[in-house]
Amino acid sequence: MPRFKCRLGTAGGEVVVQEMVAASEQALKSSLQDKGYYVFSVRPARIWADLGTQLGPSRRKVPLRDFVIFNQEFSALLKAGLPVLTALDLLSGRRKKGDLAKNLELVRDEVRSGASLSEAFANRGKAFPNIYSATLAAGERSGELVAVIQRYLFYLRTMQAIRKKILSAMIYPIILLCLSVALIFLLLTVIVPKFATLFTGTGAPLPLLTRLVLGVATVFEYGWPFFLAALVAVPLALRVVASRPEGRLRLATLRMRLPILGENIRRYNIAQMCRTLGTLVSGGVPVVTALDVVADAMGNELYRVELKQVKKEVLEGQALWSSMERTRMMTTLAVEMVEVGESTGALAEMLDQVSQFYDEELTTAVERFVALLEPALLLVMAVIIAIVVLSVYMPLFTMYNYVGQ
């Protein structure tokens, strides 16, 4: 009998991949569902074909902008009454290049060979988010595929809008900071050393401020290769540390403890977690399975670990809000709102409200921080330039008095 590769959600909320033998794909699906498994995908176990697709470029993550446009067009075609396969044919035919085009062709081929839409997207690995295939599976089971895709599309747009707001707010301060660093580097490595030759040649005693600036300039003049090496070495070292789960956990914990920045990181992660969880729950995905998918989708290792623990406690019979309350990732307000959602049966709606609240909090905090950072950077630049100018002019007066004597 043929072998099949299955991606399943267990009753314990875990997502597992297993190979099984069955008479047919449909018989295996029915058997797994009867056993209580949540079936994400079932496909023939093709060793060489799978290896080739994993090594190929089609496994790269699809660009977010392209993915948003695809979902807009896909949901519009399905809403107009086109079958899934016809819609995939049209959309894949319009795209001739890029990772999205290659993946859509593979998804279309799998759907044509009998796989469900969620299975076909899940089989593309990291090309598409896990939350997407889980959401599609819930939509297929509930018969509301269009509504689920539109809900997921709203989720993508919201995430995109929040990132754009944060990036646009930080562009000017980053440019100002880069210009400040470049100007300071120019002063200390080019301009000040030229005056240093003039000052030391006169034999006149130099003021303390001038000696300090000349010392710093000397360090910069001869030590800039070491600073450059450090700029390269530090990110590489952090990347090595982040390559291991325990290293990622330590870095995530450290970032959360940073003043000002740590609280904003908490706000961002709470908003992302609640929005993703709310999207899955509103689409019909069981809470335990949704927690597992959200944990894998989180970029913060601390939240990933804590969500795994929350899932275990929920499996043991604990309420979601009480499990979240015992973690380091949630605020009191967020926990209280989740508790209200659980008790009233409106968990998805309350999770959406939590994400919206912390999105607004984060945007306000970033705007306030930028409003303070811009004048602070200008003030620091002015002070540094004033110190350098004073350090240059003060010896001129000293030399004048020295020559006059």
Protein backbone atom coordinates (compact mmCIF):
# COMPACT_ATOMS: atom_id res chain seq x y z
CA MET A 1 0.00 0.00 0.00
CA PRO A 2 1.16 3.58 -0.63
CA ARG A 3 2.77 5.71 2.07
CA PHE A 4 1.46 9.18 2.94
CA LYS A 5 3.03 12.11 4.75
CA CYS A 6 0.54 13.60 7.21
CA ARG A 7 0.60 16.95 9.06
CA LEU A 8 -1.79 16.65 11.98
CA GLY A 9 -3.07 18.54 14.99
CA THR A 10 -3.42 16.30 18.03
CA ALA A 11 -6.00 16.49 20.77
CA GLY A 12 -3.21 17.88 22.95
CA GLY A 13 -2.80 20.85 20.62
CA GLU A 14 0.50 19.75 19.08
CA VAL A 15 1.26 19.84 15.36
CA VAL A 16 2.99 16.61 14.27
CA VAL A 17 4.24 15.23 10.97
CA GLN A 18 4.02 11.45 10.44
CA GLU A 19 4.27 8.96 7.59
CA MET A 20 1.45 6.40 7.39
CA VAL A 21 0.35 3.57 5.12
CA ALA A 22 -3.23 3.47 3.79
CA ALA A 23 -5.25 2.20 0.86
CA SER A 24 -6.01 5.73 -0.31
CA GLU A 25 -5.63 9.35 0.71
CA GLN A 26 -9.33 9.81 1.40
CA ALA A 27 -9.49 6.67 3.52
CA LEU A 28 -6.54 7.88 5.58
CA LYS A 29 -8.14 11.30 6.11
CA SER A 30 -11.39 9.73 7.30
CA SER A 31 -9.52 7.38 9.60
CA LEU A 32 -7.48 10.19 11.14
CA GLN A 33 -10.53 12.42 11.66
CA ASP A 34 -12.37 9.52 13.32
CA LYS A 35 -9.41 9.19 15.70
CA GLY A 36 -9.76 12.84 16.72
CA TYR A 37 -6.88 14.32 14.72
CA TYR A 38 -7.11 17.77 13.12
CA VAL A 39 -5.90 17.06 9.57
CA PHE A 40 -3.82 19.87 8.03
CA SER A 41 -2.43 17.93 5.09
CA VAL A 42 -2.10 14.40 3.67
CA ARG A 43 0.06 13.79 0.61
CA PRO A 44 2.00 10.92 -0.98
CA ALA A 45 5.43 10.42 0.58
CA ARG A 46 7.71 11.27 -2.34
CA ILE A 47 11.24 11.35 -0.99
CA TRP A 48 13.12 12.65 -4.01
CA ALA A 49 10.43 15.11 -5.07
CA ASP A 50 10.19 16.53 -1.55
CA LEU A 51 13.96 16.87 -1.32
CA GLY A 52 14.08 18.73 -4.61
CA THR A 53 11.37 21.19 -3.62
CA GLN A 54 12.93 21.83 -0.23
CA LEU A 55 16.26 22.69 -1.85
CA GLY A 56 14.69 24.82 -4.57
CA PRO A 57 13.96 28.56 -4.41
CA SER A 58 10.21 28.00 -4.17
CA ARG A 59 10.62 27.27 -0.45
CA ARG A 60 11.74 30.84 0.24
CA LYS A 61 9.29 33.04 2.10
CA VAL A 62 6.91 34.84 -0.25
CA PRO A 63 7.17 38.67 -0.02
CA LEU A 64 4.41 40.12 2.17
CA ARG A 65 3.27 42.67 -0.42
CA ASP A 66 2.82 39.99 -3.10
CA PHE A 67 1.01 37.75 -0.63
CA VAL A 68 -1.46 40.52 0.31
CA ILE A 69 -2.24 41.24 -3.36
CA PHE A 70 -2.74 37.52 -4.04
CA ASN A 71 -5.23 37.17 -1.18
CA GLN A 72 -7.15 40.25 -2.35
CA GLU A 73 -7.52 38.80 -5.83
CA PHE A 74 -8.13 35.24 -4.60
CA SER A 75 -10.93 36.22 -2.22
CA ALA A 76 -12.54 38.40 -4.92
CA LEU A 77 -12.56 35.50 -7.42
CA LEU A 78 -13.97 33.04 -4.88
CA LYS A 79 -16.63 35.55 -3.82
CA ALA A 80 -17.62 35.90 -7.48
CA GLY A 81 -18.37 32.17 -7.51
CA LEU A 82 -15.30 30.74 -9.25
CA PRO A 83 -14.12 27.30 -8.10
CA VAL A 84 -10.86 27.19 -6.13
CA LEU A 85 -8.93 25.44 -8.90
CA THR A 86 -10.12 27.90 -11.56
CA ALA A 87 -9.13 30.85 -9.37
CA LEU A 88 -5.69 29.33 -8.78
CA ASP A 89 -5.31 28.73 -12.53
CA LEU A 90 -6.08 32.37 -13.29
CA LEU A 91 -3.83 33.80 -10.58
CA SER A 92 -0.88 31.50 -11.27
CA GLY A 93 -1.18 32.19 -15.01
CA ARG A 94 -0.92 35.95 -14.44
CA ARG A 95 2.38 35.61 -12.56
CA LYS A 96 5.33 34.39 -14.61
CA LYS A 97 8.25 35.19 -12.28
CA GLY A 98 9.08 35.24 -8.59
CA ASP A 99 8.67 32.93 -5.61
CA LEU A 100 4.90 33.50 -5.41
CA ALA A 101 4.42 32.36 -9.03
CA LYS A 102 6.42 29.17 -8.47
CA ASN A 103 4.58 28.34 -5.26
CA LEU A 104 1.15 29.05 -6.75
CA GLU A 105 1.89 26.64 -9.60
CA LEU A 106 2.81 23.91 -7.08
CA VAL A 107 -0.27 24.66 -4.96
CA ARG A 108 -2.49 24.52 -8.07
CA ASP A 109 -0.96 21.19 -9.14
CA GLU A 110 -1.53 19.65 -5.69
CA VAL A 111 -5.15 20.86 -5.58
CA ARG A 112 -5.67 19.44 -9.07
CA SER A 113 -4.28 16.07 -7.91
CA GLY A 114 -6.81 15.93 -5.06
CA ALA A 115 -5.24 17.78 -2.12
CA SER A 116 -7.28 20.34 -0.21
CA LEU A 117 -6.34 24.01 -0.43
CA SER A 118 -5.00 24.12 3.14
CA GLU A 119 -2.92 20.99 2.54
CA ALA A 120 -1.42 22.43 -0.63
CA PHE A 121 -0.37 25.65 1.12
CA ALA A 122 0.89 23.76 4.20
CA ASN A 123 3.07 21.59 1.95
CA ARG A 124 4.94 24.67 0.74
CA GLY A 125 6.80 24.85 4.06
CA LYS A 126 8.16 28.26 4.99
CA ALA A 127 6.95 29.91 1.79
CA PHE A 128 3.64 30.72 3.51
CA PRO A 129 2.92 31.38 7.21
CA ASN A 130 1.64 28.46 9.32
CA ILE A 131 -1.29 30.58 10.41
CA TYR A 132 -2.46 30.81 6.79
CA SER A 133 -2.81 27.06 6.21
CA ALA A 134 -4.42 26.62 9.64
CA THR A 135 -6.92 29.39 8.85
CA LEU A 136 -7.72 27.85 5.45
CA ALA A 137 -8.29 24.45 7.08
CA ALA A 138 -10.78 26.01 9.50
CA GLY A 139 -12.54 27.77 6.61
CA GLU A 140 -12.79 24.55 4.62
CA ARG A 141 -14.31 22.70 7.57
CA SER A 142 -16.82 25.48 8.29
CA GLY A 143 -17.66 26.14 4.63
CA GLU A 144 -16.76 29.84 4.99
CA LEU A 145 -13.53 29.94 3.00
CA VAL A 146 -14.11 33.42 1.55
CA ALA A 147 -14.89 34.94 4.95
CA VAL A 148 -11.82 33.30 6.47
CA ILE A 149 -9.53 34.61 3.71
CA GLN A 150 -10.97 38.11 4.06
CA ARG A 151 -10.46 37.96 7.82
CA TYR A 152 -6.87 36.86 7.29
CA LEU A 153 -6.42 39.62 4.71
CA PHE A 154 -7.56 42.16 7.29
CA TYR A 155 -5.00 40.68 9.68
CA LEU A 156 -2.22 41.10 7.10
CA ARG A 157 -3.23 44.68 6.32
CA THR A 158 -3.29 45.59 9.98
CA MET A 159 0.16 44.10 10.58
CA GLN A 160 1.47 45.91 7.51
CA ALA A 161 -0.03 49.25 8.61
CA ILE A 162 1.47 49.01 12.10
CA ARG A 163 4.94 48.24 10.73
CA LYS A 164 4.71 51.12 8.25
CA LYS A 165 3.71 53.53 11.01
CA ILE A 166 6.65 52.52 13.19
CA LEU A 167 9.16 52.60 10.31
CA SER A 168 7.95 55.96 8.96
CA ALA A 169 8.18 57.46 12.46
CA MET A 170 11.77 56.22 12.87
CA ILE A 171 13.15 57.21 9.43
CA TYR A 172 14.00 60.84 10.28
CA PRO A 173 15.68 60.10 13.64
CA ILE A 174 17.74 57.32 12.03
CA ILE A 175 18.89 59.67 9.24
CA LEU A 176 19.69 62.35 11.82
CA LEU A 177 21.64 59.87 13.93
CA CYS A 178 23.67 58.67 10.92
CA LEU A 179 24.48 62.26 9.93
CA SER A 180 25.52 63.03 13.51
CA VAL A 181 27.85 60.04 13.66
CA ALA A 182 29.34 60.92 10.24
CA LEU A 183 29.90 64.55 11.26
CA ILE A 184 31.56 63.60 14.56
CA PHE A 185 33.76 61.07 12.77
CA LEU A 186 34.80 63.73 10.22
CA LEU A 187 35.62 66.27 12.93
CA LEU A 188 37.67 63.87 15.03
CA THR A 189 39.56 62.09 12.23
CA VAL A 190 40.14 64.90 9.67
CA ILE A 191 39.71 68.42 11.05
CA VAL A 192 40.99 68.13 14.64
CA PRO A 193 44.22 66.23 13.69
CA LYS A 194 45.15 69.09 11.29
CA PHE A 195 44.94 71.60 14.13
CA ALA A 196 46.80 69.22 16.43
CA THR A 197 49.92 69.50 14.25
CA LEU A 198 49.71 73.29 14.48
CA PHE A 199 49.22 73.34 18.24
CA THR A 200 51.98 70.91 19.18
CA GLY A 201 54.48 72.71 16.96
CA THR A 202 54.26 75.98 18.88
CA GLY A 203 55.33 74.57 22.23
CA ALA A 204 52.59 76.53 24.01
CA PRO A 205 50.70 74.79 26.82
CA LEU A 206 47.32 73.52 25.70
CA PRO A 207 44.05 73.89 27.68
CA LEU A 208 42.59 70.80 29.32
CA LEU A 209 39.59 70.74 26.97
CA THR A 210 41.87 70.79 23.93
CA ARG A 211 44.03 67.98 25.30
CA LEU A 212 40.93 65.86 25.93
CA VAL A 213 39.56 66.44 22.41
CA LEU A 214 42.96 65.70 20.86
CA GLY A 215 43.15 62.47 22.87
CA VAL A 216 39.74 61.36 21.66
CA ALA A 217 40.68 62.34 18.09
CA THR A 218 43.86 60.26 18.31
CA VAL A 219 41.86 57.25 19.47
CA PHE A 220 39.47 57.69 16.55
CA GLU A 221 42.24 58.34 14.02
CA TYR A 222 44.18 55.19 14.81
CA GLY A 223 41.43 53.04 16.28
CA TRP A 224 38.69 53.34 13.66
CA PRO A 225 39.52 49.90 12.16
CA PHE A 226 38.81 48.37 15.58
CA PHE A 227 35.49 50.22 15.82
CA LEU A 228 34.59 49.01 12.34
CA ALA A 229 35.57 45.44 13.28
CA ALA A 230 33.40 45.72 16.39
CA LEU A 231 30.43 46.88 14.30
CA VAL A 232 30.79 43.71 12.24
CA ALA A 233 31.70 41.33 15.08
CA VAL A 234 28.91 42.28 17.51
CA PRO A 235 26.01 41.48 15.11
CA LEU A 236 27.73 38.25 14.09
CA ALA A 237 28.16 37.25 17.74
CA LEU A 238 24.51 38.03 18.44
CA ARG A 239 23.51 35.95 15.43
CA VAL A 240 25.54 33.01 16.73
CA VAL A 241 23.90 33.35 20.15
CA ALA A 242 20.45 33.60 18.54
CA SER A 243 21.04 30.41 16.55
CA ARG A 244 20.31 28.36 19.70
CA PRO A 245 16.93 28.37 21.52
CA GLU A 246 18.46 29.15 24.92
CA GLY A 247 20.42 32.02 23.36
CA ARG A 248 17.29 33.45 21.75
CA LEU A 249 15.49 33.19 25.07
CA ARG A 250 18.24 35.10 26.90
CA LEU A 251 18.34 37.82 24.25
CA ALA A 252 14.54 38.15 24.30
CA THR A 253 14.53 38.39 28.11
CA LEU A 254 17.29 41.01 28.00
CA ARG A 255 15.42 43.11 25.43
CA MET A 256 12.29 43.03 27.57
CA ARG A 257 14.28 44.49 30.51
CA LEU A 258 15.62 47.46 28.56
CA PRO A 259 14.27 50.84 29.74
CA ILE A 260 11.60 52.37 27.44
CA LEU A 261 12.37 49.93 24.62
CA GLY A 262 11.41 46.87 26.68
CA GLU A 263 7.89 48.12 27.35
CA ASN A 264 7.35 48.88 23.66
CA ILE A 265 8.59 45.39 22.74
CA ARG A 266 6.03 44.00 25.18
CA ARG A 267 3.25 46.07 23.60
CA TYR A 268 4.20 44.93 20.09
CA ASN A 269 4.30 41.24 21.05
CA ILE A 270 1.01 41.36 22.96
CA ALA A 271 -0.68 43.01 19.97
CA GLN A 272 0.80 40.48 17.53
CA MET A 273 -0.04 37.48 19.71
CA CYS A 274 -3.64 38.54 20.41
CA ARG A 275 -4.31 39.52 16.79
CA THR A 276 -2.98 36.19 15.48
CA LEU A 277 -4.82 34.16 18.12
CA GLY A 278 -8.04 36.10 17.53
CA THR A 279 -7.81 35.54 13.77
CA LEU A 280 -7.43 31.79 14.23
CA VAL A 281 -10.14 31.44 16.88
CA SER A 282 -12.62 33.53 14.87
CA GLY A 283 -11.89 31.28 11.88
CA GLY A 284 -12.91 28.19 13.85
CA VAL A 285 -9.50 26.82 14.87
CA PRO A 286 -9.59 25.21 18.35
CA VAL A 287 -7.86 27.31 21.03
CA VAL A 288 -5.24 24.66 21.85
CA THR A 289 -4.28 24.20 18.19
CA ALA A 290 -4.33 27.98 17.69
CA LEU A 291 -1.93 28.46 20.62
CA ASP A 292 0.52 26.06 19.01
CA VAL A 293 0.34 27.88 15.65
CA VAL A 294 0.70 31.30 17.33
CA ALA A 295 3.71 30.11 19.32
CA ASP A 296 5.45 29.05 16.10
CA ALA A 297 4.55 32.38 14.46
CA MET A 298 6.04 34.55 17.23
CA GLY A 299 9.43 36.06 16.52
CA ASN A 300 10.11 36.58 20.23
CA GLU A 301 11.50 33.42 21.87
CA LEU A 302 10.20 34.39 25.33
CA TYR A 303 6.63 34.56 24.02
CA ARG A 304 7.13 31.33 22.08
CA VAL A 305 8.19 29.47 25.26
CA GLU A 306 5.47 31.04 27.40
CA LEU A 307 2.75 30.19 24.86
CA LYS A 308 3.85 26.56 24.82
CA GLN A 309 3.46 26.54 28.61
CA VAL A 310 0.04 28.20 28.34
CA LYS A 311 -1.04 25.50 25.91
CA LYS A 312 0.00 22.76 28.35
CA GLU A 313 -1.96 24.37 31.17
CA VAL A 314 -5.05 24.82 29.00
CA LEU A 315 -4.84 21.13 28.11
CA GLU A 316 -4.78 20.34 31.83
CA GLY A 317 -8.06 22.21 32.27
CA GLN A 318 -6.91 25.69 33.21
CA ALA A 319 -8.68 28.72 31.78
CA LEU A 320 -6.76 30.60 29.13
CA TRP A 321 -6.72 33.85 31.09
CA SER A 322 -5.42 32.22 34.29
CA SER A 323 -2.62 30.48 32.37
CA MET A 324 -1.65 33.78 30.74
CA GLU A 325 -1.74 35.54 34.10
CA ARG A 326 1.07 33.30 35.42
CA THR A 327 3.40 34.18 32.53
CA ARG A 328 5.77 37.11 32.03
CA MET A 329 4.32 38.11 28.69
CA MET A 330 0.91 39.63 29.48
CA THR A 331 -0.14 42.81 31.26
CA THR A 332 -2.91 42.85 33.87
CA LEU A 333 -5.23 44.73 31.51
CA ALA A 334 -4.74 42.20 28.71
CA VAL A 335 -5.39 39.27 31.07
CA GLU A 336 -8.60 40.90 32.37
CA MET A 337 -9.88 41.46 28.82
CA VAL A 338 -9.14 37.83 27.89
CA GLU A 339 -11.00 36.72 31.04
CA VAL A 340 -14.05 38.75 30.01
CA GLY A 341 -13.89 37.26 26.51
CA GLU A 342 -13.74 33.70 27.84
CA SER A 343 -16.58 34.19 30.30
CA THR A 344 -18.89 35.83 27.72
CA GLY A 345 -18.04 33.51 24.81
CA ALA A 346 -16.59 36.39 22.80
CA LEU A 347 -12.92 35.47 23.03
CA ALA A 348 -12.03 36.31 19.42
CA GLU A 349 -13.64 39.75 19.61
CA MET A 350 -11.92 40.54 22.92
CA LEU A 351 -8.53 39.41 21.58
CA ASP A 352 -9.02 41.78 18.63
CA GLN A 353 -9.78 44.61 21.04
CA VAL A 354 -6.62 43.84 23.04
CA SER A 355 -4.53 43.96 19.86
CA GLN A 356 -6.12 47.25 18.76
CA PHE A 357 -5.54 48.79 22.19
CA TYR A 358 -1.84 47.88 22.25
CA ASP A 359 -1.40 48.89 18.60
CA GLU A 360 -2.58 52.37 19.56
CA GLU A 361 -0.43 52.33 22.71
CA LEU A 362 2.62 51.34 20.69
CA THR A 363 2.03 53.96 17.99
CA THR A 364 1.58 56.69 20.62
CA ALA A 365 4.68 55.58 22.52
CA VAL A 366 6.82 55.53 19.34
CA GLU A 367 5.58 58.98 18.27
CA ARG A 368 6.29 60.36 21.76
CA PHE A 369 9.76 58.79 21.77
CA VAL A 370 10.57 60.20 18.33
CA ALA A 371 9.31 63.64 19.36
CA LEU A 372 11.81 63.60 22.26
CA LEU A 373 14.62 61.93 20.30
CA GLU A 374 14.82 64.49 17.48
CA PRO A 375 15.61 67.56 19.66
CA ALA A 376 17.86 65.42 21.86
CA LEU A 377 19.98 64.40 18.86
CA LEU A 378 20.16 68.00 17.66
CA LEU A 379 21.20 69.13 21.14
CA VAL A 380 23.91 66.47 21.36
CA MET A 381 25.22 67.46 17.92
CA ALA A 382 25.29 71.12 18.93
CA VAL A 383 27.13 70.38 22.19
CA ILE A 384 29.75 68.20 20.46
CA ILE A 385 30.35 70.77 17.73
CA ALA A 386 30.61 73.54 20.35
CA ILE A 387 33.15 71.50 22.34
CA VAL A 388 35.26 70.87 19.22
CA VAL A 389 35.12 74.53 18.15
CA LEU A 390 36.09 75.70 21.67
CA SER A 391 38.92 73.19 21.79
CA VAL A 392 40.27 74.69 18.55
CA TYR A 393 39.86 78.38 19.44
CA MET A 394 41.04 78.23 23.05
CA PRO A 395 44.67 77.33 22.08
CA LEU A 396 44.70 80.24 19.63
CA PHE A 397 44.20 82.67 22.49
CA THR A 398 46.77 80.79 24.58
CA MET A 399 49.28 80.91 21.69
CA TYR A 400 48.66 84.68 21.27
CA ASN A 401 49.39 85.31 24.94
CA TYR A 402 52.39 82.93 24.81
CA VAL A 403 53.89 84.75 21.80
CA GLY A 404 53.16 88.15 23.38
CA GLN A 405 55.18 87.18 26.45
